[in-house]
Amino acid sequence: MTCAIDVDRVSFAYDDFRMEDINLELHIGEQKAIAGLNGSGKTTLFKLILGLLEPRSGQIFVRDRRVTRENLWEVRQDVGFLFQNPEDQLFAPTVWEDVAFGPRNLGLEPQAVSDRVDWALERVGMSSFSHRSVTELSHGQAKRIALAGVIAMRPSILILDEPFTGLDFKMVQNMVDIIRDLKQDGVSILFTTHDSFFIENWSDTVAVLEEGKIVFDGPTKDAMRDDRVTRNVGDWGQLRHRLRNPDGRRL
């Protein structure tokens, strides 16, 4: 098995939007960016991978398992999905209860649930928030708690929809550090972005969607010299200079 996710000749349509003949691979241990302007199909592609939408044609495989209505529970134990808006993901009265929801649904023993919640909150640097109400969190804090809820399920694949949207510089750095550590643990990562900074500094490969079609898919070093990429992403030149580690290295 070399692919964590394999999208094979998938097409989808609704109203006046079409996705045609989409082929995409996320290899095990890879960090891949999906770039494109608003309305290009990025979120639709994620929903297809997660089985929230059904392709008109083609097939999608997660760890060699074809995604079907019958096996969505198994697929979603392998794939963790972080929404662009964390408020869409948080619903329990407290942070601890929210992060515990997924492990409990796995049927784990209470001690195993507690261990996973404590581990996930520590991983995202939010252990001290465990008894807070989810309604008392800032946007950045809510994003980290939502991520804790995802990783508490111990997925082998993470799908992140615009993970840096709405975060200040410090919170962006925190998210980068958290997800870098998860990748080092062997988690495969697929994320959307509009911004060249995150493509250039935070992806192994890039696929670019334009009006429902993939117009580029290849190594990041080639992407940044290709006009099909540059016309579909923004330029975060200022952020590139400001977001550095204390020793001066880029994130």
Protein backbone atom coordinates (compact mmCIF):
# COMPACT_ATOMS: atom_id res chain seq x y z
CA MET A 1 0.00 0.00 0.00
CA THR A 2 1.50 3.33 -1.10
CA CYS A 3 -1.63 5.52 -1.08
CA ALA A 4 -3.43 6.84 1.96
CA ILE A 5 -6.06 8.30 -0.40
CA ASP A 6 -6.60 7.46 -4.07
CA VAL A 7 -9.20 9.42 -6.06
CA ASP A 8 -9.67 7.63 -9.37
CA ARG A 9 -11.41 9.40 -12.29
CA VAL A 10 -14.09 10.96 -10.10
CA SER A 11 -16.77 13.25 -11.51
CA PHE A 12 -19.49 15.09 -9.63
CA ALA A 13 -22.10 17.73 -10.47
CA TYR A 14 -24.73 19.86 -8.78
CA ASP A 15 -26.60 22.89 -10.09
CA ASP A 16 -24.16 24.63 -12.46
CA PHE A 17 -20.95 23.28 -10.87
CA ARG A 18 -19.07 20.28 -12.26
CA MET A 19 -15.98 18.35 -11.27
CA GLU A 20 -14.61 16.31 -14.15
CA ASP A 21 -12.29 13.29 -14.17
CA ILE A 22 -10.47 14.03 -10.90
CA ASN A 23 -7.38 11.91 -10.21
CA LEU A 24 -5.52 12.51 -6.96
CA GLU A 25 -3.18 10.54 -4.73
CA LEU A 26 -2.05 11.21 -1.18
CA HIS A 27 0.83 8.90 -0.38
CA ILE A 28 1.48 7.49 3.07
CA GLY A 29 3.41 10.04 5.13
CA GLU A 30 2.91 12.80 2.56
CA GLN A 31 1.75 16.36 3.22
CA LYS A 32 -0.20 17.62 0.21
CA ALA A 33 -1.77 21.01 -0.41
CA ILE A 34 -4.97 21.45 -2.39
CA ALA A 35 -5.00 24.99 -3.75
CA GLY A 36 -7.59 26.93 -5.68
CA LEU A 37 -9.79 29.99 -5.60
CA ASN A 38 -13.16 30.06 -3.84
CA GLY A 39 -15.62 27.88 -5.73
CA SER A 40 -12.94 25.77 -7.40
CA GLY A 41 -14.12 22.57 -5.68
CA LYS A 42 -11.71 22.09 -2.76
CA THR A 43 -14.32 21.51 -0.06
CA THR A 44 -16.46 19.45 -2.45
CA LEU A 45 -13.48 17.18 -3.06
CA PHE A 46 -13.05 16.67 0.68
CA LYS A 47 -16.74 15.83 1.08
CA LEU A 48 -16.42 13.24 -1.67
CA ILE A 49 -13.41 11.64 0.03
CA LEU A 50 -15.29 11.51 3.34
CA GLY A 51 -18.39 10.02 1.74
CA LEU A 52 -20.53 13.07 2.54
CA LEU A 53 -21.17 13.33 -1.20
CA GLU A 54 -21.38 10.50 -3.71
CA PRO A 55 -19.49 10.75 -7.02
CA ARG A 56 -21.42 10.55 -10.28
CA SER A 57 -18.65 8.34 -11.62
CA GLY A 58 -15.24 7.03 -10.55
CA GLN A 59 -14.01 5.57 -7.28
CA ILE A 60 -12.31 6.75 -4.09
CA PHE A 61 -10.09 4.55 -1.94
CA VAL A 62 -8.86 5.20 1.61
CA ARG A 63 -5.99 2.90 2.58
CA ASP A 64 -6.96 0.50 -0.23
CA ARG A 65 -10.58 0.42 0.96
CA ARG A 66 -13.13 1.70 -1.53
CA VAL A 67 -15.36 4.37 0.04
CA THR A 68 -19.00 3.20 0.01
CA ARG A 69 -22.10 3.95 2.06
CA GLU A 70 -21.67 0.62 3.81
CA ASN A 71 -18.16 1.26 5.18
CA LEU A 72 -18.26 4.97 6.05
CA TRP A 73 -17.83 4.25 9.77
CA GLU A 74 -14.59 2.34 9.11
CA VAL A 75 -13.33 4.98 6.67
CA ARG A 76 -13.96 7.80 9.10
CA GLN A 77 -11.92 6.05 11.78
CA ASP A 78 -8.94 6.30 9.43
CA VAL A 79 -9.61 9.89 8.32
CA GLY A 80 -9.85 12.87 10.67
CA PHE A 81 -11.48 16.01 9.25
CA LEU A 82 -10.94 19.52 10.63
CA PHE A 83 -13.60 21.98 9.49
CA GLN A 84 -12.62 25.48 8.36
CA ASN A 85 -14.92 26.91 11.04
CA PRO A 86 -14.29 25.14 14.38
CA GLU A 87 -17.67 26.27 15.73
CA ASP A 88 -19.22 23.79 13.27
CA GLN A 89 -17.35 21.00 15.08
CA LEU A 90 -17.76 21.83 18.77
CA PHE A 91 -21.05 21.03 20.49
CA ALA A 92 -20.52 19.49 23.96
CA PRO A 93 -20.87 21.53 27.18
CA THR A 94 -17.15 21.43 28.02
CA VAL A 95 -13.87 21.04 26.19
CA TRP A 96 -13.19 17.68 27.85
CA GLU A 97 -16.60 16.27 26.88
CA ASP A 98 -16.20 17.46 23.33
CA VAL A 99 -12.82 15.80 22.85
CA ALA A 100 -14.15 12.63 24.55
CA PHE A 101 -17.07 12.25 22.14
CA GLY A 102 -15.16 10.42 19.40
CA PRO A 103 -13.25 7.97 21.61
CA ARG A 104 -16.47 7.12 23.45
CA ASN A 105 -18.12 6.32 20.12
CA LEU A 106 -15.30 3.88 19.47
CA GLY A 107 -16.52 1.92 22.47
CA LEU A 108 -13.36 2.43 24.51
CA GLU A 109 -13.22 1.83 28.24
CA PRO A 110 -13.54 4.98 30.41
CA GLN A 111 -9.84 4.99 31.33
CA ALA A 112 -8.83 4.65 27.68
CA VAL A 113 -11.15 7.55 26.79
CA SER A 114 -9.65 9.68 29.55
CA ASP A 115 -6.11 8.83 28.43
CA ARG A 116 -6.89 9.82 24.84
CA VAL A 117 -8.52 13.11 25.85
CA ASP A 118 -5.61 14.06 28.11
CA TRP A 119 -3.10 13.10 25.39
CA ALA A 120 -4.92 15.08 22.67
CA LEU A 121 -5.34 18.21 24.79
CA GLU A 122 -1.68 18.09 25.82
CA ARG A 123 -0.70 17.63 22.16
CA VAL A 124 -2.44 20.86 21.15
CA GLY A 125 -1.32 22.75 24.25
CA MET A 126 -4.82 23.09 25.74
CA SER A 127 -4.74 20.86 28.85
CA SER A 128 -5.61 23.76 31.14
CA PHE A 129 -8.83 24.38 29.19
CA SER A 130 -10.39 20.94 29.80
CA HIS A 131 -13.22 22.21 32.04
CA ARG A 132 -13.96 25.35 30.02
CA SER A 133 -17.20 25.78 28.13
CA VAL A 134 -16.68 25.53 24.38
CA THR A 135 -18.61 28.82 24.08
CA GLU A 136 -15.86 30.67 25.99
CA LEU A 137 -13.07 29.94 23.50
CA SER A 138 -11.44 32.34 21.06
CA HIS A 139 -11.38 31.32 17.39
CA GLY A 140 -7.79 30.08 17.66
CA GLN A 141 -8.48 28.17 20.87
CA ALA A 142 -11.59 26.60 19.33
CA LYS A 143 -9.54 25.50 16.32
CA ARG A 144 -7.04 23.74 18.56
CA ILE A 145 -9.80 22.06 20.57
CA ALA A 146 -11.48 20.90 17.36
CA LEU A 147 -8.14 19.45 16.24
CA ALA A 148 -7.79 17.71 19.62
CA GLY A 149 -11.17 16.08 19.07
CA VAL A 150 -9.99 14.84 15.68
CA ILE A 151 -6.63 13.43 16.78
CA ALA A 152 -8.17 11.77 19.86
CA MET A 153 -9.60 9.28 17.35
CA ARG A 154 -5.98 8.46 16.35
CA PRO A 155 -6.58 8.76 12.57
CA SER A 156 -3.83 7.82 10.14
CA ILE A 157 -4.94 10.58 7.75
CA LEU A 158 -5.78 14.22 8.49
CA ILE A 159 -7.87 16.37 6.15
CA LEU A 160 -7.68 20.05 7.08
CA ASP A 161 -9.97 22.60 5.43
CA GLU A 162 -8.20 25.99 5.51
CA PRO A 163 -6.54 25.24 8.88
CA PHE A 164 -4.96 28.71 9.19
CA THR A 165 -7.97 30.87 8.31
CA GLY A 166 -8.73 33.49 10.96
CA LEU A 167 -5.60 32.84 13.02
CA ASP A 168 -3.08 35.46 14.09
CA PHE A 169 0.64 34.94 13.51
CA LYS A 170 1.29 33.25 16.85
CA MET A 171 -1.63 30.87 16.40
CA VAL A 172 -0.49 29.99 12.88
CA GLN A 173 2.90 29.05 14.30
CA ASN A 174 1.23 26.93 16.99
CA MET A 175 -0.86 25.07 14.41
CA VAL A 176 2.16 24.48 12.19
CA ASP A 177 4.10 23.02 15.12
CA ILE A 178 1.23 20.74 16.18
CA ILE A 179 0.63 19.36 12.72
CA ARG A 180 4.34 18.98 11.97
CA ASP A 181 4.62 16.75 15.04
CA LEU A 182 1.68 14.64 13.87
CA LYS A 183 3.29 14.20 10.45
CA GLN A 184 6.51 13.07 12.13
CA ASP A 185 4.41 10.43 13.87
CA GLY A 186 3.42 9.08 10.44
CA VAL A 187 0.10 10.85 9.86
CA SER A 188 -0.63 11.64 6.18
CA ILE A 189 -1.99 15.17 5.70
CA LEU A 190 -4.16 16.76 3.02
CA PHE A 191 -4.99 20.45 3.47
CA THR A 192 -6.55 23.29 1.51
CA THR A 193 -5.13 26.76 1.22
CA HIS A 194 -5.41 29.90 -0.87
CA ASP A 195 -1.93 31.06 0.05
CA SER A 196 1.45 30.56 -1.56
CA PHE A 197 3.23 30.83 1.80
CA PHE A 198 1.73 27.60 3.09
CA ILE A 199 2.24 25.83 -0.21
CA GLU A 200 5.86 26.87 -0.45
CA ASN A 201 6.77 26.13 3.17
CA TRP A 202 4.40 23.44 4.29
CA SER A 203 3.70 20.91 1.54
CA ASP A 204 5.56 18.10 -0.19
CA THR A 205 3.29 18.22 -3.24
CA VAL A 206 0.50 20.46 -4.55
CA ALA A 207 -2.67 19.87 -6.52
CA VAL A 208 -4.46 22.89 -7.96
CA LEU A 209 -8.18 22.95 -8.68
CA GLU A 210 -9.59 25.41 -11.18
CA GLU A 211 -13.31 25.38 -11.99
CA GLY A 212 -13.69 21.75 -10.95
CA LYS A 213 -10.61 20.40 -12.72
CA ILE A 214 -7.12 19.61 -11.49
CA VAL A 215 -4.81 21.76 -13.60
CA PHE A 216 -1.57 20.94 -11.74
CA ASP A 217 -0.41 18.10 -9.49
CA GLY A 218 3.26 17.77 -8.64
CA PRO A 219 6.17 18.62 -6.31
CA THR A 220 6.07 21.94 -4.50
CA LYS A 221 9.41 23.02 -5.98
CA ASP A 222 7.86 22.82 -9.45
CA ALA A 223 4.53 24.34 -8.40
CA MET A 224 5.95 27.70 -7.41
CA ARG A 225 7.30 28.21 -10.94
CA ASP A 226 4.06 27.26 -12.70
CA ASP A 227 1.55 29.96 -13.68
CA ARG A 228 -1.33 27.49 -13.25
CA VAL A 229 -0.47 27.54 -9.55
CA THR A 230 0.38 31.20 -9.09
CA ARG A 231 -2.85 32.42 -10.69
CA ASN A 232 -4.88 30.33 -8.23
CA VAL A 233 -3.22 31.28 -4.94
CA GLY A 234 -2.51 34.48 -3.05
CA ASP A 235 0.82 36.04 -2.20
CA TRP A 236 1.65 36.16 1.49
CA GLY A 237 5.01 37.87 1.05
CA GLN A 238 4.66 39.82 4.29
CA LEU A 239 3.77 36.72 6.28
CA ARG A 240 6.72 34.88 4.75
CA HIS A 241 9.08 37.42 6.32
CA ARG A 242 7.30 37.66 9.67
CA LEU A 243 6.68 33.99 10.40
CA ARG A 244 10.08 32.72 11.44
CA ASN A 245 11.40 30.59 14.26
CA PRO A 246 13.44 32.35 16.96
CA ASP A 247 16.69 31.30 15.26
CA GLY A 248 15.59 33.01 12.03
CA ARG A 249 14.58 29.88 10.12
CA ARG A 250 11.24 29.79 8.38
CA LEU A 251 8.50 27.56 9.73
